[in-house]
Amino acid sequence: MWRIGQLARMAGVSERTLRHYDKIGLLVPAATDRATGYRWYGVAELSRLERIRALQRLGLPLRQVADLLEAPDARLRQAVAEILASIRHDITALAATAAHAEDHLATPMSILPQQTTVGPRRLRVHHLHLDDPARLATVCPAPPATLLTWLRGHPTGGFAAAVTTDRGGEQLILPARTVVRAVVPPAGVIQAGRDLFGWLDRHHMDVAGPNVEEHLMDADGARATVLEIPVRPRATPGKGARHQPPDAGLRPP
């Protein structure tokens, strides 16, 4: 039989840990001297302690360790498989976060793009044809207003556009779609658009429909523009290119 200090040294744990295990019923001593309060442990307790430590190293919390100490092997393997799946999910999420951080460090940007899913929208618009992106500011009504452009990158020539209207116009339905979104001050829209297209290229995404500029103004008169570019993964040459969906059902007018 060993006293608590001897067992602690043998197993590489602290006496405080062993007292805590005793308190919660996880590892009860083989005997306790009523006169001195000394705890005594044997081979059975040493084996149980090693099993506790092994389960903890697998990432299991003490509450789950207590449930699994006497569990059959099949149940234990299932619990370990669930822990492994959770760890792999966390690793994937952390790797994605690290990749985004590296991207921002490598290429200074005016925006912080976010990928998300948005629902369908029904708009009434007037269609336009513009020769220069600088003209967008002159054709867009005062906020709140929505401007659409059919661009796959920074324009090098004329391009199609549309602005929302309260009267007349044509109906335009934007389906539910995956978009890359950024919020920018009105003065930075053109540079933000360049940065967004560059971001899409680095992340191997293609534009999948008209780009949306939502021009907003709050009660205090502060303005901002929300840029949304519908996206889809870029097809690998020779693999699946024929199966690419149409541009969200929308073509330039």
Protein backbone atom coordinates (compact mmCIF):
# COMPACT_ATOMS: atom_id res chain seq x y z
CA MET A 1 0.00 0.00 0.00
CA TRP A 2 1.15 3.55 -0.72
CA ARG A 3 0.35 6.85 0.90
CA ILE A 4 -0.94 9.73 -1.20
CA GLY A 5 2.49 11.35 -1.64
CA GLN A 6 4.02 8.10 -2.86
CA LEU A 7 1.23 7.53 -5.39
CA ALA A 8 1.48 11.11 -6.58
CA ARG A 9 5.21 10.69 -7.30
CA MET A 10 4.68 7.33 -9.00
CA ALA A 11 1.96 8.65 -11.32
CA GLY A 12 3.37 12.14 -11.89
CA VAL A 13 0.39 14.00 -10.46
CA SER A 14 -0.01 16.35 -7.52
CA GLU A 15 -1.41 15.38 -4.15
CA ARG A 16 -3.98 18.13 -4.64
CA THR A 17 -5.21 16.37 -7.78
CA LEU A 18 -5.57 13.07 -5.93
CA ARG A 19 -7.51 14.76 -3.12
CA HIS A 20 -9.82 16.31 -5.72
CA TYR A 21 -10.37 12.92 -7.37
CA ASP A 22 -11.26 11.51 -3.96
CA LYS A 23 -13.65 14.37 -3.22
CA ILE A 24 -15.63 13.89 -6.46
CA GLY A 25 -15.58 10.10 -6.16
CA LEU A 26 -13.39 9.54 -9.19
CA LEU A 27 -10.54 7.82 -7.34
CA VAL A 28 -11.34 6.78 -3.78
CA PRO A 29 -8.43 5.43 -1.64
CA ALA A 30 -8.39 1.75 -0.79
CA ALA A 31 -8.41 2.75 2.89
CA THR A 32 -8.31 5.87 5.06
CA ASP A 33 -6.81 5.90 8.54
CA ARG A 34 -9.51 7.34 10.83
CA ALA A 35 -7.00 8.47 13.43
CA THR A 36 -4.54 10.26 11.11
CA GLY A 37 -6.64 10.84 7.96
CA TYR A 38 -3.91 9.28 5.84
CA ARG A 39 -5.10 7.91 2.51
CA TRP A 40 -3.76 4.54 1.36
CA TYR A 41 -3.73 3.29 -2.21
CA GLY A 42 -3.05 -0.07 -3.83
CA VAL A 43 -2.46 -1.55 -7.28
CA ALA A 44 -6.16 -1.28 -8.20
CA GLU A 45 -6.13 2.46 -7.50
CA LEU A 46 -2.87 2.92 -9.43
CA SER A 47 -4.39 1.14 -12.46
CA ARG A 48 -7.57 3.23 -12.20
CA LEU A 49 -5.49 6.42 -11.99
CA GLU A 50 -3.56 5.49 -15.13
CA ARG A 51 -6.85 4.93 -16.97
CA ILE A 52 -8.15 8.31 -15.77
CA ARG A 53 -5.01 10.02 -17.00
CA ALA A 54 -5.17 8.25 -20.37
CA LEU A 55 -8.77 9.35 -20.92
CA GLN A 56 -7.91 12.93 -19.97
CA ARG A 57 -5.10 12.97 -22.51
CA LEU A 58 -7.71 12.12 -25.16
CA GLY A 59 -9.44 15.40 -24.36
CA LEU A 60 -12.29 13.99 -22.29
CA PRO A 61 -13.60 16.13 -19.38
CA LEU A 62 -13.62 14.58 -15.90
CA ARG A 63 -17.39 14.14 -15.93
CA GLN A 64 -17.16 12.04 -19.10
CA VAL A 65 -14.09 10.23 -17.76
CA ALA A 66 -16.13 9.11 -14.75
CA ASP A 67 -18.85 7.74 -17.06
CA LEU A 68 -16.37 5.83 -19.21
CA LEU A 69 -14.05 4.32 -16.62
CA GLU A 70 -16.10 1.14 -16.40
CA ALA A 71 -17.66 1.37 -19.87
CA PRO A 72 -17.23 -1.39 -22.45
CA ASP A 73 -14.62 -0.87 -25.14
CA ALA A 74 -17.19 -0.15 -27.86
CA ARG A 75 -18.64 2.78 -25.94
CA LEU A 76 -15.18 4.12 -25.17
CA ARG A 77 -14.16 3.95 -28.83
CA GLN A 78 -17.31 5.82 -29.84
CA ALA A 79 -16.55 8.60 -27.35
CA VAL A 80 -12.97 8.87 -28.61
CA ALA A 81 -14.19 8.98 -32.23
CA GLU A 82 -16.51 11.88 -31.36
CA ILE A 83 -13.66 13.74 -29.67
CA LEU A 84 -11.43 13.16 -32.71
CA ALA A 85 -14.11 14.50 -35.08
CA SER A 86 -14.47 17.60 -32.91
CA ILE A 87 -10.69 18.15 -32.88
CA ARG A 88 -10.49 17.80 -36.66
CA HIS A 89 -13.33 20.30 -37.07
CA ASP A 90 -11.49 22.77 -34.82
CA ILE A 91 -8.26 22.26 -36.76
CA THR A 92 -10.06 22.97 -40.06
CA ALA A 93 -11.64 26.13 -38.62
CA LEU A 94 -8.31 27.34 -37.24
CA ALA A 95 -6.56 26.63 -40.54
CA ALA A 96 -9.18 28.70 -42.38
CA THR A 97 -8.75 31.55 -39.89
CA ALA A 98 -4.97 31.41 -40.29
CA ALA A 99 -5.33 31.49 -44.09
CA HIS A 100 -7.53 34.61 -43.91
CA ALA A 101 -5.03 36.29 -41.57
CA GLU A 102 -2.14 35.45 -43.91
CA ASP A 103 -4.13 36.82 -46.84
CA HIS A 104 -4.70 40.16 -45.10
CA LEU A 105 -1.04 40.39 -44.08
CA ALA A 106 0.19 39.58 -47.57
CA THR A 107 -2.16 41.99 -49.37
CA PRO A 108 -3.22 45.18 -47.57
CA MET A 109 -6.88 45.83 -48.34
CA SER A 110 -9.40 48.60 -47.82
CA ILE A 111 -12.01 46.07 -46.68
CA LEU A 112 -12.55 42.89 -44.68
CA PRO A 113 -14.58 40.57 -46.95
CA GLN A 114 -17.06 38.12 -45.43
CA GLN A 115 -18.67 35.17 -47.22
CA THR A 116 -22.32 34.57 -46.37
CA THR A 117 -25.69 33.47 -47.80
CA VAL A 118 -28.48 35.94 -48.55
CA GLY A 119 -32.13 35.39 -49.38
CA PRO A 120 -33.98 36.30 -52.58
CA ARG A 121 -34.85 39.91 -53.43
CA ARG A 122 -37.37 41.49 -55.76
CA LEU A 123 -36.41 44.89 -57.22
CA ARG A 124 -37.71 47.38 -59.77
CA VAL A 125 -34.86 48.91 -61.75
CA HIS A 126 -33.88 51.10 -64.66
CA HIS A 127 -31.18 49.52 -66.83
CA LEU A 128 -28.15 51.56 -67.93
CA HIS A 129 -24.96 51.20 -69.93
CA LEU A 130 -21.89 53.00 -68.57
CA ASP A 131 -18.44 53.63 -70.01
CA ASP A 132 -16.61 54.52 -66.79
CA PRO A 133 -17.04 53.27 -63.18
CA ALA A 134 -16.59 56.86 -61.97
CA ARG A 135 -20.04 57.59 -63.42
CA LEU A 136 -21.70 55.19 -60.98
CA ALA A 137 -21.82 57.87 -58.30
CA THR A 138 -23.71 60.22 -60.63
CA VAL A 139 -26.38 57.73 -61.70
CA CYS A 140 -27.13 56.27 -58.26
CA PRO A 141 -30.03 58.02 -56.48
CA ALA A 142 -29.68 59.39 -52.96
CA PRO A 143 -29.70 56.68 -50.29
CA PRO A 144 -31.38 54.43 -49.53
CA ALA A 145 -30.86 53.04 -53.03
CA THR A 146 -29.50 49.97 -54.75
CA LEU A 147 -27.12 49.86 -57.69
CA LEU A 148 -26.36 46.71 -59.70
CA THR A 149 -23.45 46.13 -62.06
CA TRP A 150 -22.72 43.20 -64.37
CA LEU A 151 -18.96 43.00 -63.86
CA ARG A 152 -16.55 40.10 -63.43
CA GLY A 153 -13.62 42.34 -62.56
CA HIS A 154 -12.49 45.94 -62.77
CA PRO A 155 -14.00 47.27 -66.04
CA THR A 156 -11.76 48.06 -68.98
CA GLY A 157 -14.63 49.26 -71.15
CA GLY A 158 -18.37 49.74 -71.13
CA PHE A 159 -20.58 47.65 -68.83
CA ALA A 160 -24.22 47.11 -67.91
CA ALA A 161 -25.75 48.52 -64.73
CA ALA A 162 -29.13 49.14 -63.15
CA VAL A 163 -30.52 51.38 -60.39
CA THR A 164 -33.61 50.88 -58.28
CA THR A 165 -36.61 53.08 -58.85
CA ASP A 166 -39.92 53.76 -57.14
CA ARG A 167 -41.77 54.32 -60.41
CA GLY A 168 -41.85 52.31 -63.61
CA GLY A 169 -38.76 50.32 -64.44
CA GLU A 170 -38.50 46.57 -64.91
CA GLN A 171 -38.84 43.83 -62.34
CA LEU A 172 -35.61 42.07 -61.40
CA ILE A 173 -35.52 39.04 -59.09
CA LEU A 174 -32.29 38.13 -57.32
CA PRO A 175 -32.44 34.51 -56.12
CA ALA A 176 -31.00 33.23 -52.85
CA ARG A 177 -27.24 33.11 -53.32
CA THR A 178 -23.81 32.93 -51.74
CA VAL A 179 -22.08 36.31 -51.69
CA VAL A 180 -18.85 37.95 -50.59
CA ARG A 181 -19.80 41.11 -48.69
CA ALA A 182 -17.99 44.21 -47.44
CA VAL A 183 -19.11 47.47 -45.84
CA VAL A 184 -17.23 50.57 -47.00
CA PRO A 185 -17.58 54.36 -46.79
CA PRO A 186 -19.08 55.87 -49.96
CA ALA A 187 -15.79 57.48 -51.01
CA GLY A 188 -14.00 54.12 -51.05
CA VAL A 189 -16.38 52.09 -53.24
CA ILE A 190 -14.22 51.93 -56.38
CA GLN A 191 -11.09 50.81 -54.51
CA ALA A 192 -13.15 48.37 -52.46
CA GLY A 193 -14.51 46.86 -55.67
CA ARG A 194 -10.97 46.34 -56.98
CA ASP A 195 -9.96 44.73 -53.70
CA LEU A 196 -13.00 42.45 -53.69
CA PHE A 197 -12.33 41.20 -57.22
CA GLY A 198 -8.70 40.58 -56.26
CA TRP A 199 -9.82 38.69 -53.15
CA LEU A 200 -12.11 36.48 -55.24
CA ASP A 201 -9.28 35.66 -57.64
CA ARG A 202 -6.92 34.68 -54.83
CA HIS A 203 -9.61 32.47 -53.31
CA HIS A 204 -10.44 30.82 -56.65
CA MET A 205 -14.02 32.09 -56.88
CA ASP A 206 -15.96 33.28 -59.91
CA VAL A 207 -18.64 35.97 -60.06
CA ALA A 208 -22.08 34.33 -60.38
CA GLY A 209 -24.41 37.23 -61.15
CA PRO A 210 -24.85 40.99 -60.83
CA ASN A 211 -22.93 42.81 -58.12
CA VAL A 212 -25.05 44.76 -55.65
CA GLU A 213 -24.21 48.10 -54.06
CA GLU A 214 -26.59 48.94 -51.24
CA HIS A 215 -26.28 52.67 -50.45
CA LEU A 216 -27.45 53.33 -46.89
CA MET A 217 -27.89 56.31 -44.56
CA ASP A 218 -28.76 56.23 -40.85
CA ALA A 219 -30.86 58.68 -38.80
CA ASP A 220 -27.80 60.84 -38.12
CA GLY A 221 -27.00 61.22 -41.81
CA ALA A 222 -23.95 58.90 -41.78
CA ARG A 223 -23.57 56.97 -45.02
CA ALA A 224 -22.11 53.61 -45.96
CA THR A 225 -22.21 51.23 -48.90
CA VAL A 226 -22.63 47.46 -48.64
CA LEU A 227 -20.98 45.63 -51.54
CA GLU A 228 -22.19 42.13 -52.40
CA ILE A 229 -20.71 39.95 -55.13
CA PRO A 230 -22.47 36.61 -55.77
CA VAL A 231 -19.87 33.86 -56.05
CA ARG A 232 -19.33 30.20 -56.86
CA PRO A 233 -16.19 28.01 -56.63
CA ARG A 234 -14.02 28.24 -59.72
CA ALA A 235 -14.20 25.10 -61.84
CA THR A 236 -11.00 23.11 -62.29
CA PRO A 237 -10.10 23.11 -66.01
CA GLY A 238 -11.37 19.91 -67.59
CA LYS A 239 -13.29 18.85 -64.48
CA GLY A 240 -16.89 19.83 -64.09
CA ALA A 241 -16.71 22.99 -66.19
CA ARG A 242 -19.78 21.88 -68.18
CA HIS A 243 -21.76 21.53 -64.95
CA GLN A 244 -21.32 25.13 -63.77
CA PRO A 245 -24.70 26.71 -62.96
CA PRO A 246 -25.82 29.82 -64.83
CA ASP A 247 -25.03 33.22 -63.29
CA ALA A 248 -27.78 33.00 -60.66
CA GLY A 249 -30.28 33.01 -63.53
CA LEU A 250 -29.30 36.56 -64.46
CA ARG A 251 -27.60 37.93 -67.52
CA PRO A 252 -26.68 41.53 -68.38
CA PRO A 253 -29.56 43.31 -70.07
